[in-house]
């Protein structure tokens, strides 16, 4: 398989999963707690499905937070004067 075929299959998978989830979330009997529970599942599921995108973003964000904390320690802004 070429890279374009793999990308096409991946996008097709994402589209079918999105349509499936949209069908579940638009059921009228799933209002209230059921909808909230499925939304929680939906969030975790899509984080996993989008790992080629979410993992680099998460790593970059955590690295930025760590760098910010180290800069604040070095500047002694948390220290009482």
C-alpha atoms as a PDB file:
ATOM      1  CA  UNK A   1       0.000   0.000   0.000  1.00  0.00           C
ATOM      2  CA  UNK A   2       1.175   3.484  -0.738  1.00  0.00           C
ATOM      3  CA  UNK A   3       1.066   6.313   1.761  1.00  0.00           C
ATOM      4  CA  UNK A   4      -1.935   7.892   0.023  1.00  0.00           C
ATOM      5  CA  UNK A   5      -3.899   4.632   0.199  1.00  0.00           C
ATOM      6  CA  UNK A   6      -3.142   4.329   3.913  1.00  0.00           C
ATOM      7  CA  UNK A   7      -4.197   7.935   4.497  1.00  0.00           C
ATOM      8  CA  UNK A   8      -7.383   7.367   2.505  1.00  0.00           C
ATOM      9  CA  UNK A   9      -8.254   4.248   4.540  1.00  0.00           C
ATOM     10  CA  UNK A  10      -7.532   6.107   7.792  1.00  0.00           C
ATOM     11  CA  UNK A  11      -9.772   9.018   6.784  1.00  0.00           C
ATOM     12  CA  UNK A  12     -12.507   6.580   5.717  1.00  0.00           C
ATOM     13  CA  UNK A  13     -12.292   4.906   9.139  1.00  0.00           C
ATOM     14  CA  UNK A  14     -12.531   8.269  10.893  1.00  0.00           C
ATOM     15  CA  UNK A  15     -15.536   9.292   8.792  1.00  0.00           C
ATOM     16  CA  UNK A  16     -17.450   6.041   9.411  1.00  0.00           C
ATOM     17  CA  UNK A  17     -16.722   6.221  13.155  1.00  0.00           C
ATOM     18  CA  UNK A  18     -17.879   9.834  13.248  1.00  0.00           C
ATOM     19  CA  UNK A  19     -21.123   8.908  11.485  1.00  0.00           C
ATOM     20  CA  UNK A  20     -21.669   6.049  13.957  1.00  0.00           C
ATOM     21  CA  UNK A  21     -21.105   8.345  16.931  1.00  0.00           C
ATOM     22  CA  UNK A  22     -23.329  11.019  15.459  1.00  0.00           C
ATOM     23  CA  UNK A  23     -26.101   8.440  15.138  1.00  0.00           C
ATOM     24  CA  UNK A  24     -25.765   7.493  18.793  1.00  0.00           C
ATOM     25  CA  UNK A  25     -25.656  11.068  20.044  1.00  0.00           C
ATOM     26  CA  UNK A  26     -28.721  12.075  18.033  1.00  0.00           C
ATOM     27  CA  UNK A  27     -30.977   9.373  19.530  1.00  0.00           C
ATOM     28  CA  UNK A  28     -33.772  11.101  21.479  1.00  0.00           C
ATOM     29  CA  UNK A  29     -33.929   8.343  24.124  1.00  0.00           C
ATOM     30  CA  UNK A  30     -30.272   8.920  25.030  1.00  0.00           C
ATOM     31  CA  UNK A  31     -30.927  12.292  26.639  1.00  0.00           C
ATOM     32  CA  UNK A  32     -29.539  13.154  30.054  1.00  0.00           C
ATOM     33  CA  UNK A  33     -27.123  10.803  31.780  1.00  0.00           C
ATOM     34  CA  UNK A  34     -26.838   8.421  28.833  1.00  0.00           C
ATOM     35  CA  UNK A  35     -25.743  11.234  26.572  1.00  0.00           C
ATOM     36  CA  UNK A  36     -23.140  12.431  29.075  1.00  0.00           C
ATOM     37  CA  UNK A  37     -21.722   8.939  29.517  1.00  0.00           C
ATOM     38  CA  UNK A  38     -21.523   8.406  25.775  1.00  0.00           C
ATOM     39  CA  UNK A  39     -19.878  11.817  25.387  1.00  0.00           C
ATOM     40  CA  UNK A  40     -17.195  10.736  27.876  1.00  0.00           C
ATOM     41  CA  UNK A  41     -16.659   7.522  25.909  1.00  0.00           C
ATOM     42  CA  UNK A  42     -16.676   9.556  22.679  1.00  0.00           C
ATOM     43  CA  UNK A  43     -13.894  11.812  23.960  1.00  0.00           C
ATOM     44  CA  UNK A  44     -11.630   8.932  24.958  1.00  0.00           C
ATOM     45  CA  UNK A  45     -12.393   7.026  21.753  1.00  0.00           C
ATOM     46  CA  UNK A  46     -11.530   9.980  19.539  1.00  0.00           C
ATOM     47  CA  UNK A  47      -8.371  10.738  21.500  1.00  0.00           C
ATOM     48  CA  UNK A  48      -7.241   7.213  20.652  1.00  0.00           C
ATOM     49  CA  UNK A  49      -8.469   7.339  17.044  1.00  0.00           C
ATOM     50  CA  UNK A  50      -6.608  10.596  16.477  1.00  0.00           C
ATOM     51  CA  UNK A  51      -3.327   9.498  18.112  1.00  0.00           C
ATOM     52  CA  UNK A  52      -1.225  10.587  15.130  1.00  0.00           C
ATOM     53  CA  UNK A  53      -2.434  14.114  15.903  1.00  0.00           C
ATOM     54  CA  UNK A  54      -3.115  14.099  19.656  1.00  0.00           C
ATOM     55  CA  UNK A  55       0.118  12.502  20.904  1.00  0.00           C
ATOM     56  CA  UNK A  56       2.460  15.136  19.376  1.00  0.00           C
ATOM     57  CA  UNK A  57       0.195  17.940  20.615  1.00  0.00           C
ATOM     58  CA  UNK A  58       0.059  16.461  24.117  1.00  0.00           C
ATOM     59  CA  UNK A  59       3.823  15.965  24.298  1.00  0.00           C
ATOM     60  CA  UNK A  60       4.444  19.498  23.018  1.00  0.00           C
ATOM     61  CA  UNK A  61       1.987  20.969  25.519  1.00  0.00           C
ATOM     62  CA  UNK A  62       3.457  19.085  28.498  1.00  0.00           C
ATOM     63  CA  UNK A  63       6.958  20.086  27.446  1.00  0.00           C
ATOM     64  CA  UNK A  64       5.841  23.716  27.365  1.00  0.00           C
ATOM     65  CA  UNK A  65       4.303  23.437  30.836  1.00  0.00           C
ATOM     66  CA  UNK A  66       7.488  21.870  32.211  1.00  0.00           C
ATOM     67  CA  UNK A  67       9.641  24.579  30.636  1.00  0.00           C
ATOM     68  CA  UNK A  68       7.382  27.285  32.059  1.00  0.00           C
ATOM     69  CA  UNK A  69       7.639  25.826  35.585  1.00  0.00           C
ATOM     70  CA  UNK A  70      11.437  25.615  35.320  1.00  0.00           C
ATOM     71  CA  UNK A  71      11.622  29.234  34.139  1.00  0.00           C
ATOM     72  CA  UNK A  72       9.490  30.337  37.073  1.00  0.00           C
ATOM     73  CA  UNK A  73      11.742  28.435  39.485  1.00  0.00           C
ATOM     74  CA  UNK A  74      14.823  30.038  37.971  1.00  0.00           C
ATOM     75  CA  UNK A  75      13.336  33.514  38.247  1.00  0.00           C
ATOM     76  CA  UNK A  76      12.405  32.893  41.907  1.00  0.00           C
ATOM     77  CA  UNK A  77       8.965  34.391  41.359  1.00  0.00           C
ATOM     78  CA  UNK A  78       7.445  31.949  43.827  1.00  0.00           C
ATOM     79  CA  UNK A  79       9.881  32.928  46.541  1.00  0.00           C
ATOM     80  CA  UNK A  80       8.845  35.503  49.144  1.00  0.00           C
ATOM     81  CA  UNK A  81      10.970  38.648  49.058  1.00  0.00           C
END
